[in-house]
Amino acid sequence: MPDAFHIRDNGVVQGPYTKAQIRQLVQEGKLTPSMDLSADGVTWHAARSIKGLFPPAAPPKVPDFSDDEGLNANEGAQSQDPSVSSGVASEQSPPNADTIDKLSVSDAWKNTFREIQGSPAKSQFNILAFLFTFFYYAAKGMWKKGLALVLFGAIFSTLIEFAVGLAGITNLNGIVYAIPSSALCAILANRDYYSLKMKGEDFWPSLNWLGNPAALIAVALVAFSGMIFLSMRAEKMSYSCSHPEVLELVRQIISEVPFRANMLSQDQIDKQSKVLRGLLLMEFDGIRSMNSQNPGEKLCSAQIKITAKDPKAIPMFQNMQIGETLTYGVSFTDDGRLWVQVYD
């Protein structure tokens, strides 16, 4: 006959308790009919269904708990709670070593769970979660948490991208934007897996409203739409006067000038100017932005120096350097294309 019992309330398991402690909890009102009891930690019964556990409705009195018939009834029945098969336990009442040993996980994970149990505030870094983010979480049965973490990381990355665009930074490696999502997954993965196996928690209780798949997907769609908009805005803001793509368009426009007076087709002009750009070196100095009277345009000024890459190939450029100050405007067309105009 078992001498110890576990109590389960809203998925949280506490215990073991002796018979005397069970009687005391009933008397103090801390064990209610809505809770579940188990003699072995595997098979659970509603407390209200256990014979002799609770006193009659009136008058209230301490129940006769000397008979264990109710606790041992239907001992072979299968629990309908999916968390039971994982050895669910509470962090408020830490499970003993036997609880972790019964889990269907590898020995490495059992050791990790013991470390988490012994040091709740200690953070761990999971390199596989860092590399595979959502896919790692999904493989561990935590796809909702994985999707939420990727979503949070993507939102943070978009804010970084927007700030970078405002600052006019153009040479930031794209991999930087993937770090927030990866870092979140790597730091939380072990503890989230512990919560899943030990408590049956598939989403964070504080964000339970977001754990509904429909709500999570809806929030993700809205968030990603907003991120796309901010990314496009950030990309436009990043096109400063010194942006490489802007300067290349200025070079292209300047190299076309000698051929436009010859009544050539645009294809011919493009070919001739491309050849000329291959022979000349155009360098910009003193680039600065100015106020523009045209809405949506960024007005720029720069000193351009033109020299021949090989002076012997173009005799007219031997010992010669052409330099002048030019003004050009940077804007975007209605369909989002970059537009550069060089002013006389």
Protein backbone atom coordinates (compact mmCIF):
# COMPACT_ATOMS: atom_id res chain seq x y z
CA MET A 1 0.00 0.00 0.00
CA PRO A 2 1.57 3.30 -0.97
CA ASP A 3 2.42 5.71 1.80
CA ALA A 4 3.00 8.82 -0.34
CA PHE A 5 0.80 10.71 -2.78
CA HIS A 6 1.15 13.53 -5.33
CA ILE A 7 -1.25 16.42 -5.91
CA ARG A 8 -1.84 18.01 -9.32
CA ASP A 9 -3.51 21.42 -9.72
CA ASN A 10 -3.78 23.12 -13.16
CA GLY A 11 -0.93 21.01 -14.54
CA VAL A 12 1.41 21.72 -11.59
CA VAL A 13 2.45 18.64 -9.60
CA GLN A 14 3.37 18.84 -5.92
CA GLY A 15 4.46 16.19 -3.50
CA PRO A 16 5.04 13.58 -2.40
CA TYR A 17 2.83 13.91 0.72
CA THR A 18 2.18 11.38 3.46
CA LYS A 19 -1.35 10.36 4.43
CA ALA A 20 -1.15 12.59 7.47
CA GLN A 21 -0.13 15.56 5.31
CA ILE A 22 -2.99 14.83 2.90
CA ARG A 23 -5.45 14.91 5.82
CA GLN A 24 -3.95 18.16 7.02
CA LEU A 25 -4.22 19.76 3.55
CA VAL A 26 -7.89 18.76 3.31
CA GLN A 27 -8.57 20.19 6.76
CA GLU A 28 -6.84 23.47 5.84
CA GLY A 29 -8.71 23.73 2.56
CA LYS A 30 -5.52 23.52 0.48
CA LEU A 31 -6.62 20.27 -1.16
CA THR A 32 -9.92 20.79 -2.98
CA PRO A 33 -12.21 18.41 -4.91
CA SER A 34 -11.12 20.03 -8.21
CA MET A 35 -7.54 18.78 -7.82
CA ASP A 36 -6.13 15.38 -8.83
CA LEU A 37 -4.37 12.77 -6.70
CA SER A 38 -1.95 9.97 -7.62
CA ALA A 39 -0.35 7.22 -5.59
CA ASP A 40 2.41 6.53 -8.12
CA GLY A 41 2.84 9.82 -10.03
CA VAL A 42 1.53 8.21 -13.22
CA THR A 43 -2.14 7.31 -12.74
CA TRP A 44 -4.32 10.24 -11.67
CA HIS A 45 -7.81 10.43 -10.14
CA ALA A 46 -10.06 13.40 -9.46
CA ALA A 47 -9.89 14.15 -5.76
CA ARG A 48 -13.68 14.40 -5.55
CA SER A 49 -14.00 10.79 -6.74
CA ILE A 50 -11.83 9.32 -3.98
CA LYS A 51 -13.92 7.59 -1.36
CA GLY A 52 -13.68 8.97 2.14
CA LEU A 53 -11.32 11.82 1.25
CA PHE A 54 -13.65 14.78 1.80
CA PRO A 55 -16.22 15.28 4.59
CA PRO A 56 -19.97 15.45 3.94
CA ALA A 57 -21.30 18.78 2.77
CA ALA A 58 -22.66 19.55 6.25
CA PRO A 59 -21.54 19.66 8.90
CA PRO A 60 -17.90 20.00 7.78
CA LYS A 61 -15.46 17.70 9.52
CA VAL A 62 -12.09 16.03 8.97
CA PRO A 63 -12.71 13.06 6.65
CA ASP A 64 -11.92 9.44 7.45
CA PHE A 65 -8.90 8.76 5.29
CA SER A 66 -7.95 5.44 6.80
CA ASP A 67 -9.19 3.49 3.78
CA ASP A 68 -7.04 3.71 0.64
CA GLU A 69 -9.63 2.03 -1.56
CA GLY A 70 -10.34 5.21 -3.53
CA LEU A 71 -6.69 5.96 -4.21
CA ASN A 72 -6.00 2.46 -5.46
CA ALA A 73 -9.08 2.14 -7.67
CA ASN A 74 -8.49 1.83 -11.40
CA GLU A 75 -4.75 1.76 -10.81
CA GLY A 76 -4.14 0.45 -14.31
CA ALA A 77 -6.13 3.23 -16.03
CA GLN A 78 -4.30 5.42 -18.52
CA SER A 79 -4.02 9.14 -17.77
CA GLN A 80 -5.55 11.49 -20.31
CA ASP A 81 -3.16 14.30 -19.42
CA PRO A 82 -0.31 14.38 -21.98
CA SER A 83 1.98 16.01 -19.46
CA VAL A 84 1.92 12.97 -17.18
CA SER A 85 3.92 10.80 -19.55
CA SER A 86 6.71 13.36 -19.34
CA GLY A 87 6.91 13.26 -15.53
CA VAL A 88 5.40 16.71 -14.92
CA ALA A 89 6.74 18.44 -11.83
CA SER A 90 6.63 21.88 -10.26
CA GLU A 91 9.54 24.27 -9.92
CA GLN A 92 8.01 25.46 -6.63
CA SER A 93 8.26 21.87 -5.33
CA PRO A 94 11.28 20.51 -7.24
CA PRO A 95 10.92 16.91 -8.45
CA ASN A 96 13.23 14.31 -7.03
CA ALA A 97 15.87 12.51 -9.06
CA ASP A 98 13.49 9.66 -9.86
CA THR A 99 11.13 12.04 -11.68
CA ILE A 100 13.84 13.23 -14.07
CA ASP A 101 15.21 9.71 -14.50
CA LYS A 102 11.80 8.51 -15.72
CA LEU A 103 11.70 11.03 -18.57
CA SER A 104 12.09 9.68 -22.09
CA VAL A 105 15.06 11.92 -22.93
CA SER A 106 18.79 11.31 -23.30
CA ASP A 107 21.16 11.25 -20.34
CA ALA A 108 22.64 14.54 -21.54
CA TRP A 109 19.23 16.19 -21.32
CA LYS A 110 18.64 14.68 -17.87
CA ASN A 111 21.89 16.25 -16.67
CA THR A 112 20.85 19.57 -18.23
CA PHE A 113 17.48 19.40 -16.46
CA ARG A 114 19.21 18.77 -13.13
CA GLU A 115 21.41 21.84 -13.69
CA ILE A 116 18.35 23.97 -14.47
CA GLN A 117 16.54 22.56 -11.43
CA GLY A 118 19.50 23.31 -9.19
CA SER A 119 20.17 26.82 -10.59
CA PRO A 120 16.88 28.32 -11.86
CA ALA A 121 18.48 31.69 -12.62
CA LYS A 122 21.42 30.26 -14.56
CA SER A 123 21.25 30.80 -18.32
CA GLN A 124 22.52 28.26 -20.84
CA PHE A 125 23.51 28.65 -24.49
CA ASN A 126 22.31 26.06 -27.00
CA ILE A 127 24.45 26.25 -30.14
CA LEU A 128 22.03 24.14 -32.22
CA ALA A 129 19.16 26.48 -31.35
CA PHE A 130 21.35 29.43 -32.33
CA LEU A 131 22.04 27.91 -35.76
CA PHE A 132 18.60 26.48 -36.57
CA THR A 133 16.24 28.72 -34.49
CA PHE A 134 12.61 27.83 -35.35
CA PHE A 135 13.51 24.48 -36.91
CA TYR A 136 15.24 23.36 -33.72
CA TYR A 137 12.24 24.38 -31.61
CA ALA A 138 9.85 22.60 -33.99
CA ALA A 139 11.92 19.41 -33.84
CA LYS A 140 11.64 19.49 -30.03
CA GLY A 141 7.85 19.92 -30.13
CA MET A 142 7.93 23.64 -29.26
CA TRP A 143 6.99 25.16 -32.64
CA LYS A 144 4.74 27.83 -31.12
CA LYS A 145 7.52 29.16 -28.92
CA GLY A 146 9.96 28.93 -31.82
CA LEU A 147 7.71 30.93 -34.12
CA ALA A 148 7.16 33.55 -31.42
CA LEU A 149 10.90 33.93 -30.77
CA VAL A 150 11.66 34.31 -34.47
CA LEU A 151 8.87 36.89 -34.66
CA PHE A 152 10.25 38.88 -31.70
CA GLY A 153 13.76 38.70 -33.14
CA ALA A 154 12.59 39.82 -36.58
CA ILE A 155 10.80 42.82 -35.09
CA PHE A 156 13.94 43.80 -33.18
CA SER A 157 16.08 43.32 -36.31
CA THR A 158 13.75 45.56 -38.31
CA LEU A 159 14.07 48.30 -35.71
CA ILE A 160 17.86 47.97 -35.97
CA GLU A 161 17.65 48.17 -39.76
CA PHE A 162 15.43 51.25 -39.53
CA ALA A 163 17.87 52.94 -37.13
CA VAL A 164 20.79 52.03 -39.41
CA GLY A 165 18.94 53.54 -42.36
CA LEU A 166 18.32 56.75 -40.44
CA ALA A 167 22.03 56.90 -39.61
CA GLY A 168 22.94 56.47 -43.28
CA ILE A 169 25.04 53.36 -42.64
CA THR A 170 25.29 51.27 -45.81
CA ASN A 171 28.03 48.70 -45.14
CA LEU A 172 26.45 46.70 -42.28
CA ASN A 173 26.60 42.96 -42.99
CA GLY A 174 23.18 41.40 -43.43
CA ILE A 175 23.98 38.58 -41.01
CA VAL A 176 23.82 41.11 -38.17
CA TYR A 177 20.05 41.28 -38.56
CA ALA A 178 19.69 37.52 -37.95
CA ILE A 179 21.53 37.59 -34.63
CA PRO A 180 18.62 38.71 -32.35
CA SER A 181 16.38 35.75 -33.30
CA SER A 182 19.25 33.28 -33.03
CA ALA A 183 20.38 34.63 -29.67
CA LEU A 184 16.87 34.47 -28.19
CA CYS A 185 16.43 30.86 -29.26
CA ALA A 186 19.89 29.85 -28.03
CA ILE A 187 19.45 31.37 -24.56
CA LEU A 188 15.91 30.09 -23.93
CA ALA A 189 15.94 26.69 -25.68
CA ASN A 190 17.14 24.50 -22.77
CA ARG A 191 14.83 26.09 -20.23
CA ASP A 192 11.87 25.93 -22.61
CA TYR A 193 12.51 22.23 -23.23
CA TYR A 194 12.75 21.70 -19.47
CA SER A 195 9.38 23.41 -19.02
CA LEU A 196 7.85 21.26 -21.75
CA LYS A 197 9.07 17.97 -20.31
CA MET A 198 8.72 18.75 -16.60
CA LYS A 199 5.54 20.85 -16.62
CA GLY A 200 3.90 20.17 -19.98
CA GLU A 201 4.28 23.87 -20.85
CA ASP A 202 4.15 24.45 -24.62
CA PHE A 203 3.92 28.25 -24.33
CA TRP A 204 4.85 30.88 -21.76
CA PRO A 205 2.01 31.40 -19.23
CA SER A 206 2.53 35.18 -19.20
CA LEU A 207 1.91 35.27 -22.97
CA ASN A 208 -0.73 32.57 -23.04
CA TRP A 209 -3.06 34.67 -25.24
CA LEU A 210 -0.41 34.53 -27.96
CA GLY A 211 -0.09 30.76 -27.67
CA ASN A 212 -3.26 30.20 -29.68
CA PRO A 213 -2.07 29.19 -33.18
CA ALA A 214 -4.60 31.44 -34.93
CA ALA A 215 -3.63 34.46 -32.81
CA LEU A 216 0.08 33.76 -33.25
CA ILE A 217 -0.20 33.48 -37.04
CA ALA A 218 -2.37 36.63 -37.23
CA VAL A 219 0.12 38.64 -35.16
CA ALA A 220 2.97 37.27 -37.27
CA LEU A 221 1.29 38.38 -40.52
CA VAL A 222 0.63 41.88 -39.18
CA ALA A 223 4.15 42.16 -37.78
CA PHE A 224 5.85 40.94 -40.95
CA SER A 225 3.77 43.36 -43.05
CA GLY A 226 4.91 46.20 -40.83
CA MET A 227 8.50 44.99 -41.00
CA ILE A 228 8.42 44.92 -44.80
CA PHE A 229 7.16 48.52 -44.81
CA LEU A 230 9.83 49.66 -42.35
CA SER A 231 12.53 47.78 -44.27
CA MET A 232 11.57 49.55 -47.49
CA ARG A 233 11.60 52.89 -45.69
CA ALA A 234 14.97 52.09 -44.13
CA GLU A 235 16.40 51.10 -47.50
CA LYS A 236 15.37 54.41 -49.02
CA MET A 237 16.79 56.34 -46.08
CA SER A 238 20.10 54.53 -46.44
CA TYR A 239 20.67 56.03 -49.90
CA SER A 240 22.84 58.93 -48.81
CA CYS A 241 24.78 61.23 -51.14
CA SER A 242 27.79 58.92 -50.82
CA HIS A 243 25.95 55.63 -51.32
CA PRO A 244 27.92 53.43 -53.77
CA GLU A 245 24.90 52.85 -56.00
CA VAL A 246 24.20 56.59 -56.15
CA LEU A 247 27.79 57.41 -57.11
CA GLU A 248 27.81 54.70 -59.77
CA LEU A 249 24.71 56.23 -61.37
CA VAL A 250 26.42 59.64 -61.33
CA ARG A 251 29.44 58.10 -63.12
CA GLN A 252 27.11 56.55 -65.67
CA ILE A 253 25.34 59.85 -66.36
CA ILE A 254 28.63 61.76 -66.73
CA SER A 255 30.09 59.15 -69.09
CA GLU A 256 27.01 59.42 -71.34
CA VAL A 257 27.31 63.19 -71.85
CA PRO A 258 29.94 63.09 -74.69
CA PHE A 259 27.75 60.75 -76.74
CA ARG A 260 24.33 62.37 -76.38
CA ALA A 261 25.16 65.09 -78.93
CA ASN A 262 25.90 62.51 -81.63
CA MET A 263 22.26 61.46 -82.17
CA LEU A 264 22.98 57.90 -81.05
CA SER A 265 20.38 55.46 -79.82
CA GLN A 266 20.17 54.76 -76.11
CA ASP A 267 21.68 51.31 -76.62
CA GLN A 268 24.64 52.82 -78.45
CA ILE A 269 25.07 55.46 -75.78
CA ASP A 270 25.02 52.78 -73.08
CA LYS A 271 27.68 50.74 -74.87
CA GLN A 272 29.95 53.72 -75.55
CA SER A 273 29.62 55.11 -72.04
CA LYS A 274 30.38 51.69 -70.54
CA VAL A 275 33.61 51.55 -72.55
CA LEU A 276 34.52 55.06 -71.41
CA ARG A 277 33.85 54.21 -67.76
CA GLY A 278 36.23 51.30 -68.12
CA LEU A 279 39.01 53.66 -69.24
CA LEU A 280 38.46 56.47 -66.77
CA LEU A 281 38.75 56.71 -63.01
CA MET A 282 36.12 58.99 -61.45
CA GLU A 283 36.71 59.87 -57.81
CA PHE A 284 34.43 61.90 -55.54
CA ASP A 285 35.57 64.16 -52.76
CA GLY A 286 33.90 66.64 -50.43
CA ILE A 287 30.49 64.99 -50.72
CA ARG A 288 27.81 66.85 -48.79
CA SER A 289 24.05 67.11 -48.69
CA MET A 290 22.10 70.33 -49.24
CA ASN A 291 18.54 71.53 -48.88
CA SER A 292 16.34 70.73 -51.85
CA GLN A 293 13.22 72.55 -52.96
CA ASN A 294 11.84 69.37 -54.53
CA PRO A 295 9.81 67.21 -52.11
CA GLY A 296 11.28 63.75 -51.59
CA GLU A 297 14.63 64.67 -53.15
CA LYS A 298 18.00 64.62 -51.42
CA LEU A 299 20.23 67.27 -53.02
CA CYS A 300 23.97 66.57 -53.05
CA SER A 301 27.19 68.33 -53.98
CA ALA A 302 30.61 66.78 -54.65
CA GLN A 303 33.99 67.45 -56.24
CA ILE A 304 34.64 64.90 -58.99
CA LYS A 305 38.12 64.12 -60.30
CA ILE A 306 38.48 62.31 -63.63
CA THR A 307 41.75 60.65 -64.64
CA ALA A 308 42.68 57.93 -67.12
CA LYS A 309 43.34 54.50 -65.65
CA ASP A 310 46.03 54.09 -68.33
CA PRO A 311 47.20 57.54 -69.60
CA LYS A 312 49.08 55.89 -72.47
CA ALA A 313 45.82 54.45 -73.79
CA ILE A 314 44.24 57.90 -73.84
CA PRO A 315 46.99 60.44 -74.72
CA MET A 316 44.77 63.42 -73.94
CA PHE A 317 44.75 62.38 -70.26
CA GLN A 318 48.54 62.23 -69.90
CA ASN A 319 49.64 64.53 -67.06
CA MET A 320 46.10 65.87 -67.00
CA GLN A 321 43.39 65.82 -64.38
CA ILE A 322 39.86 67.09 -64.86
CA GLY A 323 38.05 68.28 -61.78
CA GLU A 324 34.83 70.14 -61.19
CA THR A 325 32.07 70.53 -58.63
CA LEU A 326 28.76 69.03 -59.59
CA THR A 327 25.31 68.90 -58.03
CA TYR A 328 23.05 65.87 -58.19
CA GLY A 329 19.71 64.88 -56.72
CA VAL A 330 18.71 61.52 -55.21
CA SER A 331 15.07 60.43 -55.06
CA PHE A 332 12.76 57.48 -55.71
CA THR A 333 10.15 57.01 -58.42
CA ASP A 334 6.56 56.06 -57.61
CA ASP A 335 7.34 52.40 -58.25
CA GLY A 336 10.25 52.48 -55.77
CA ARG A 337 13.20 52.74 -58.18
CA LEU A 338 16.25 54.83 -57.33
CA TRP A 339 16.46 58.01 -59.43
CA VAL A 340 19.59 60.17 -59.74
CA GLN A 341 19.70 63.42 -61.68
CA VAL A 342 22.88 65.43 -62.36
CA TYR A 343 22.33 69.18 -62.63
CA ASP A 344 24.38 71.49 -64.86
